[in-house]
C-alpha atoms as a PDB file:
ATOM      1  CA  UNK A   1      -6.509  69.242  34.409  1.00  0.00           C
ATOM      2  CA  UNK A   2      -5.569  65.841  34.428  1.00  0.00           C
ATOM      3  CA  UNK A   3      -6.079  63.075  31.777  1.00  0.00           C
ATOM      4  CA  UNK A   4      -8.757  60.261  32.674  1.00  0.00           C
ATOM      5  CA  UNK A   5      -7.183  57.048  33.032  1.00  0.00           C
ATOM      6  CA  UNK A   6      -7.961  54.495  29.661  1.00  0.00           C
ATOM      7  CA  UNK A   7      -9.432  51.117  30.245  1.00  0.00           C
ATOM      8  CA  UNK A   8      -7.046  48.476  29.024  1.00  0.00           C
ATOM      9  CA  UNK A   9      -7.724  46.493  25.871  1.00  0.00           C
ATOM     10  CA  UNK A  10      -8.469  42.790  26.675  1.00  0.00           C
ATOM     11  CA  UNK A  11      -9.266  41.483  23.016  1.00  0.00           C
ATOM     12  CA  UNK A  12      -8.596  41.972  19.081  1.00  0.00           C
ATOM     13  CA  UNK A  13     -12.382  43.125  18.820  1.00  0.00           C
ATOM     14  CA  UNK A  14     -11.492  46.355  21.334  1.00  0.00           C
ATOM     15  CA  UNK A  15      -8.450  47.344  19.354  1.00  0.00           C
ATOM     16  CA  UNK A  16     -10.463  47.425  16.133  1.00  0.00           C
ATOM     17  CA  UNK A  17     -13.134  49.249  17.738  1.00  0.00           C
ATOM     18  CA  UNK A  18     -10.708  51.889  18.295  1.00  0.00           C
ATOM     19  CA  UNK A  19     -11.535  55.496  17.513  1.00  0.00           C
ATOM     20  CA  UNK A  20      -9.765  58.803  17.423  1.00  0.00           C
ATOM     21  CA  UNK A  21     -11.426  61.374  19.610  1.00  0.00           C
ATOM     22  CA  UNK A  22     -13.041  63.903  17.653  1.00  0.00           C
ATOM     23  CA  UNK A  23     -10.127  66.780  16.601  1.00  0.00           C
ATOM     24  CA  UNK A  24      -7.436  64.813  17.880  1.00  0.00           C
ATOM     25  CA  UNK A  25      -4.653  63.162  15.669  1.00  0.00           C
ATOM     26  CA  UNK A  26      -3.421  60.726  17.960  1.00  0.00           C
ATOM     27  CA  UNK A  27      -4.259  58.220  20.943  1.00  0.00           C
ATOM     28  CA  UNK A  28      -2.668  56.094  23.396  1.00  0.00           C
ATOM     29  CA  UNK A  29      -3.809  53.054  24.785  1.00  0.00           C
ATOM     30  CA  UNK A  30      -2.989  50.565  27.177  1.00  0.00           C
ATOM     31  CA  UNK A  31      -3.276  46.795  26.694  1.00  0.00           C
ATOM     32  CA  UNK A  32      -3.812  44.565  29.586  1.00  0.00           C
ATOM     33  CA  UNK A  33      -0.563  41.902  29.321  1.00  0.00           C
ATOM     34  CA  UNK A  34       1.310  40.422  31.984  1.00  0.00           C
ATOM     35  CA  UNK A  35       4.199  42.664  31.271  1.00  0.00           C
ATOM     36  CA  UNK A  36       3.442  46.223  32.203  1.00  0.00           C
ATOM     37  CA  UNK A  37       4.201  48.925  29.569  1.00  0.00           C
ATOM     38  CA  UNK A  38       2.675  47.563  26.323  1.00  0.00           C
ATOM     39  CA  UNK A  39       0.521  50.020  24.577  1.00  0.00           C
ATOM     40  CA  UNK A  40      -1.192  50.776  21.039  1.00  0.00           C
ATOM     41  CA  UNK A  41      -0.636  53.894  19.370  1.00  0.00           C
ATOM     42  CA  UNK A  42      -3.071  55.271  17.312  1.00  0.00           C
ATOM     43  CA  UNK A  43      -2.192  58.077  14.672  1.00  0.00           C
ATOM     44  CA  UNK A  44      -4.162  59.810  11.734  1.00  0.00           C
ATOM     45  CA  UNK A  45      -2.743  59.683   8.464  1.00  0.00           C
ATOM     46  CA  UNK A  46      -3.854  61.036   5.043  1.00  0.00           C
ATOM     47  CA  UNK A  47      -4.852  57.665   3.910  1.00  0.00           C
ATOM     48  CA  UNK A  48      -6.769  56.837   7.316  1.00  0.00           C
ATOM     49  CA  UNK A  49      -5.279  55.879  11.142  1.00  0.00           C
ATOM     50  CA  UNK A  50      -2.864  53.632  11.770  1.00  0.00           C
ATOM     51  CA  UNK A  51      -2.265  51.435  14.590  1.00  0.00           C
ATOM     52  CA  UNK A  52       1.239  50.584  16.278  1.00  0.00           C
ATOM     53  CA  UNK A  53       2.445  48.611  18.913  1.00  0.00           C
ATOM     54  CA  UNK A  54       4.661  50.182  21.616  1.00  0.00           C
ATOM     55  CA  UNK A  55       6.534  48.692  24.406  1.00  0.00           C
ATOM     56  CA  UNK A  56       7.661  51.309  27.335  1.00  0.00           C
ATOM     57  CA  UNK A  57      10.281  50.678  29.558  1.00  0.00           C
ATOM     58  CA  UNK A  58      12.946  52.337  31.618  1.00  0.00           C
ATOM     59  CA  UNK A  59      16.629  51.779  31.269  1.00  0.00           C
ATOM     60  CA  UNK A  60      19.090  53.478  33.045  1.00  0.00           C
ATOM     61  CA  UNK A  61      16.712  56.371  34.429  1.00  0.00           C
ATOM     62  CA  UNK A  62      15.654  57.210  31.166  1.00  0.00           C
ATOM     63  CA  UNK A  63      12.452  56.173  29.413  1.00  0.00           C
ATOM     64  CA  UNK A  64      12.379  54.165  26.525  1.00  0.00           C
ATOM     65  CA  UNK A  65       9.835  53.182  23.617  1.00  0.00           C
ATOM     66  CA  UNK A  66      10.149  50.203  21.348  1.00  0.00           C
ATOM     67  CA  UNK A  67       8.134  49.559  18.726  1.00  0.00           C
ATOM     68  CA  UNK A  68       7.038  46.244  17.823  1.00  0.00           C
ATOM     69  CA  UNK A  69       5.120  46.443  14.428  1.00  0.00           C
ATOM     70  CA  UNK A  70       1.735  47.398  13.015  1.00  0.00           C
ATOM     71  CA  UNK A  71      -1.323  46.390  13.802  1.00  0.00           C
ATOM     72  CA  UNK A  72      -3.098  44.140  12.339  1.00  0.00           C
ATOM     73  CA  UNK A  73       0.328  42.767  10.997  1.00  0.00           C
ATOM     74  CA  UNK A  74       1.548  41.912  14.466  1.00  0.00           C
ATOM     75  CA  UNK A  75      -1.204  40.392  16.478  1.00  0.00           C
ATOM     76  CA  UNK A  76      -2.498  40.988  19.904  1.00  0.00           C
ATOM     77  CA  UNK A  77      -0.957  37.808  21.158  1.00  0.00           C
ATOM     78  CA  UNK A  78       2.358  38.210  19.302  1.00  0.00           C
ATOM     79  CA  UNK A  79       2.937  41.817  20.723  1.00  0.00           C
ATOM     80  CA  UNK A  80       2.027  40.561  24.475  1.00  0.00           C
ATOM     81  CA  UNK A  81       5.224  37.689  24.226  1.00  0.00           C
END
């Protein structure tokens, strides 16, 4: 069964409101940006959920993920640059 498409995030308020689905330990949410491939990953940790920016791109026919930093340390505007 295909996963439903997630609505891209547009504002920091939407990032703050992100919640992990019940029974899930991680979530990948696309972010609206001029360049495709920007995501925010949310993972459950012992001290609570963490959010991290990831830029996904292709190089030499291989998918690569580049971490850009933790949210809110790296803002939405900075991640879009």
